[in-house]
Amino acid sequence: MKNIAGLMKQASQMQAKMAEVQARVEAMEVEGQSGAGMVRITLSGKGEVRRVKLDPKLADPNELEMLEDLIVSAHADAKRKLDAMLGDEMSKATGGIDLPAGLKLPF
């Protein structure tokens, strides 16, 4: 019975850590950029676009296709950075224990 009680205590501690991680993640913001910083996108910790900043030089109607490509690229950059930050936070919360493939916490 001691093992079960110990496991329950560990599970409770892990749940508390996960709640802390979720709160930190929700408060995070990460910025991605492309075109040497001419396009910047800020994502929330959940991957939602919060802000888009465009260099005024890109407002040329003849360059809309390039601008669209730069926005997609900046979003991809921000998403890569966010995924790395989330991986670090999860590793801290789980004490370095690898979670099974496909299991994404806290979401």
C-alpha atoms as a PDB file:
ATOM      1  CA  MET A   1       0.000   0.000   0.000  1.00  0.00           C
ATOM      2  CA  LYS A   2       2.930   2.360   0.553  1.00  0.00           C
ATOM      3  CA  ASN A   3       3.754   2.215  -3.149  1.00  0.00           C
ATOM      4  CA  ILE A   4       0.220   3.215  -4.122  1.00  0.00           C
ATOM      5  CA  ALA A   5       0.244   6.097  -1.642  1.00  0.00           C
ATOM      6  CA  GLY A   6       3.611   7.199  -2.996  1.00  0.00           C
ATOM      7  CA  LEU A   7       2.374   7.028  -6.564  1.00  0.00           C
ATOM      8  CA  MET A   8      -0.716   9.032  -5.670  1.00  0.00           C
ATOM      9  CA  LYS A   9       1.454  11.676  -4.021  1.00  0.00           C
ATOM     10  CA  GLN A  10       3.738  11.828  -7.078  1.00  0.00           C
ATOM     11  CA  ALA A  11       0.732  12.091  -9.388  1.00  0.00           C
ATOM     12  CA  SER A  12      -0.646  14.938  -7.296  1.00  0.00           C
ATOM     13  CA  GLN A  13       2.705  16.745  -7.391  1.00  0.00           C
ATOM     14  CA  MET A  14       2.957  16.240 -11.165  1.00  0.00           C
ATOM     15  CA  GLN A  15      -0.562  17.628 -11.590  1.00  0.00           C
ATOM     16  CA  ALA A  16       0.373  20.736  -9.588  1.00  0.00           C
ATOM     17  CA  LYS A  17       3.521  21.201 -11.688  1.00  0.00           C
ATOM     18  CA  MET A  18       1.514  20.830 -14.881  1.00  0.00           C
ATOM     19  CA  ALA A  19      -0.905  23.531 -13.710  1.00  0.00           C
ATOM     20  CA  GLU A  20       2.066  25.821 -13.073  1.00  0.00           C
ATOM     21  CA  VAL A  21       3.491  25.082 -16.513  1.00  0.00           C
ATOM     22  CA  GLN A  22       0.149  25.755 -18.166  1.00  0.00           C
ATOM     23  CA  ALA A  23      -0.086  29.138 -16.445  1.00  0.00           C
ATOM     24  CA  ARG A  24       3.475  30.040 -17.540  1.00  0.00           C
ATOM     25  CA  VAL A  25       2.807  28.883 -21.095  1.00  0.00           C
ATOM     26  CA  GLU A  26      -0.357  30.972 -21.360  1.00  0.00           C
ATOM     27  CA  ALA A  27       1.631  34.063 -20.345  1.00  0.00           C
ATOM     28  CA  MET A  28       4.453  33.419 -22.843  1.00  0.00           C
ATOM     29  CA  GLU A  29       4.940  35.301 -26.063  1.00  0.00           C
ATOM     30  CA  VAL A  30       7.448  34.518 -28.780  1.00  0.00           C
ATOM     31  CA  GLU A  31       8.370  36.554 -31.844  1.00  0.00           C
ATOM     32  CA  GLY A  32       9.334  35.163 -35.221  1.00  0.00           C
ATOM     33  CA  GLN A  33      10.698  37.201 -38.064  1.00  0.00           C
ATOM     34  CA  SER A  34      11.583  37.014 -41.713  1.00  0.00           C
ATOM     35  CA  GLY A  35      12.948  39.279 -44.409  1.00  0.00           C
ATOM     36  CA  ALA A  36      15.768  40.505 -42.132  1.00  0.00           C
ATOM     37  CA  GLY A  37      13.211  41.638 -39.561  1.00  0.00           C
ATOM     38  CA  MET A  38      10.905  43.376 -42.022  1.00  0.00           C
ATOM     39  CA  VAL A  39       8.063  41.050 -40.972  1.00  0.00           C
ATOM     40  CA  ARG A  40       7.553  40.151 -37.307  1.00  0.00           C
ATOM     41  CA  ILE A  41       4.856  37.948 -35.823  1.00  0.00           C
ATOM     42  CA  THR A  42       4.223  37.490 -32.114  1.00  0.00           C
ATOM     43  CA  LEU A  43       2.524  34.292 -30.945  1.00  0.00           C
ATOM     44  CA  SER A  44       0.951  33.505 -27.598  1.00  0.00           C
ATOM     45  CA  GLY A  45       2.071  30.436 -25.668  1.00  0.00           C
ATOM     46  CA  LYS A  46      -0.824  28.589 -27.276  1.00  0.00           C
ATOM     47  CA  GLY A  47       0.304  29.488 -30.790  1.00  0.00           C
ATOM     48  CA  GLU A  48      -2.274  32.203 -31.436  1.00  0.00           C
ATOM     49  CA  VAL A  49      -1.132  35.220 -33.456  1.00  0.00           C
ATOM     50  CA  ARG A  50      -1.064  38.248 -31.161  1.00  0.00           C
ATOM     51  CA  ARG A  51       0.662  40.853 -33.332  1.00  0.00           C
ATOM     52  CA  VAL A  52       1.941  41.342 -36.869  1.00  0.00           C
ATOM     53  CA  LYS A  53       4.447  44.127 -37.539  1.00  0.00           C
ATOM     54  CA  LEU A  54       5.333  45.049 -41.106  1.00  0.00           C
ATOM     55  CA  ASP A  55       8.053  47.368 -42.309  1.00  0.00           C
ATOM     56  CA  PRO A  56       6.311  50.216 -44.199  1.00  0.00           C
ATOM     57  CA  LYS A  57       8.615  49.567 -47.169  1.00  0.00           C
ATOM     58  CA  LEU A  58       6.663  46.356 -47.779  1.00  0.00           C
ATOM     59  CA  ALA A  59       3.391  48.187 -48.488  1.00  0.00           C
ATOM     60  CA  ASP A  60       4.044  48.164 -52.239  1.00  0.00           C
ATOM     61  CA  PRO A  61       1.001  46.609 -53.978  1.00  0.00           C
ATOM     62  CA  ASN A  62       3.365  45.074 -56.547  1.00  0.00           C
ATOM     63  CA  GLU A  63       5.090  43.094 -53.806  1.00  0.00           C
ATOM     64  CA  LEU A  64       2.056  41.478 -52.142  1.00  0.00           C
ATOM     65  CA  GLU A  65       3.116  37.930 -53.012  1.00  0.00           C
ATOM     66  CA  MET A  66       6.505  38.465 -51.383  1.00  0.00           C
ATOM     67  CA  LEU A  67       4.823  39.991 -48.325  1.00  0.00           C
ATOM     68  CA  GLU A  68       2.510  36.998 -48.009  1.00  0.00           C
ATOM     69  CA  ASP A  69       5.492  34.627 -48.192  1.00  0.00           C
ATOM     70  CA  LEU A  70       7.352  36.637 -45.550  1.00  0.00           C
ATOM     71  CA  ILE A  71       4.360  36.507 -43.198  1.00  0.00           C
ATOM     72  CA  VAL A  72       4.153  32.723 -43.542  1.00  0.00           C
ATOM     73  CA  SER A  73       7.899  32.453 -42.947  1.00  0.00           C
ATOM     74  CA  ALA A  74       7.775  34.679 -39.853  1.00  0.00           C
ATOM     75  CA  HIS A  75       4.929  32.594 -38.440  1.00  0.00           C
ATOM     76  CA  ALA A  76       6.916  29.389 -39.017  1.00  0.00           C
ATOM     77  CA  ASP A  77       9.924  30.945 -37.240  1.00  0.00           C
ATOM     78  CA  ALA A  78       7.805  31.955 -34.257  1.00  0.00           C
ATOM     79  CA  LYS A  79       6.163  28.510 -34.113  1.00  0.00           C
ATOM     80  CA  ARG A  80       9.555  26.737 -34.075  1.00  0.00           C
ATOM     81  CA  LYS A  81      10.686  28.963 -31.205  1.00  0.00           C
ATOM     82  CA  LEU A  82       7.442  28.372 -29.321  1.00  0.00           C
ATOM     83  CA  ASP A  83       7.716  24.596 -29.714  1.00  0.00           C
ATOM     84  CA  ALA A  84      11.275  24.714 -28.325  1.00  0.00           C
ATOM     85  CA  MET A  85      10.147  26.823 -25.346  1.00  0.00           C
ATOM     86  CA  LEU A  86       7.241  24.469 -24.642  1.00  0.00           C
ATOM     87  CA  GLY A  87       9.574  21.479 -24.785  1.00  0.00           C
ATOM     88  CA  ASP A  88      11.857  23.117 -22.222  1.00  0.00           C
ATOM     89  CA  GLU A  89       8.944  23.910 -19.921  1.00  0.00           C
ATOM     90  CA  MET A  90       7.586  20.367 -20.152  1.00  0.00           C
ATOM     91  CA  SER A  91      11.005  18.913 -19.437  1.00  0.00           C
ATOM     92  CA  LYS A  92      11.251  21.051 -16.299  1.00  0.00           C
ATOM     93  CA  ALA A  93       7.770  20.029 -15.175  1.00  0.00           C
ATOM     94  CA  THR A  94       8.312  16.313 -15.703  1.00  0.00           C
ATOM     95  CA  GLY A  95      11.788  16.299 -14.215  1.00  0.00           C
ATOM     96  CA  GLY A  96      13.270  15.195 -17.526  1.00  0.00           C
ATOM     97  CA  ILE A  97      10.992  12.171 -17.868  1.00  0.00           C
ATOM     98  CA  ASP A  98      10.165  11.598 -21.525  1.00  0.00           C
ATOM     99  CA  LEU A  99       6.440  11.455 -22.163  1.00  0.00           C
ATOM    100  CA  PRO A 100       5.068   8.903 -24.617  1.00  0.00           C
ATOM    101  CA  ALA A 101       5.058  10.001 -28.249  1.00  0.00           C
ATOM    102  CA  GLY A 102       1.897  11.881 -29.138  1.00  0.00           C
ATOM    103  CA  LEU A 103       1.129  12.858 -25.539  1.00  0.00           C
ATOM    104  CA  LYS A 104       1.065  16.638 -25.431  1.00  0.00           C
ATOM    105  CA  LEU A 105       0.558  18.239 -22.073  1.00  0.00           C
ATOM    106  CA  PRO A 106      -0.825  20.518 -20.716  1.00  0.00           C
ATOM    107  CA  PHE A 107      -3.038  20.917 -23.810  1.00  0.00           C
END
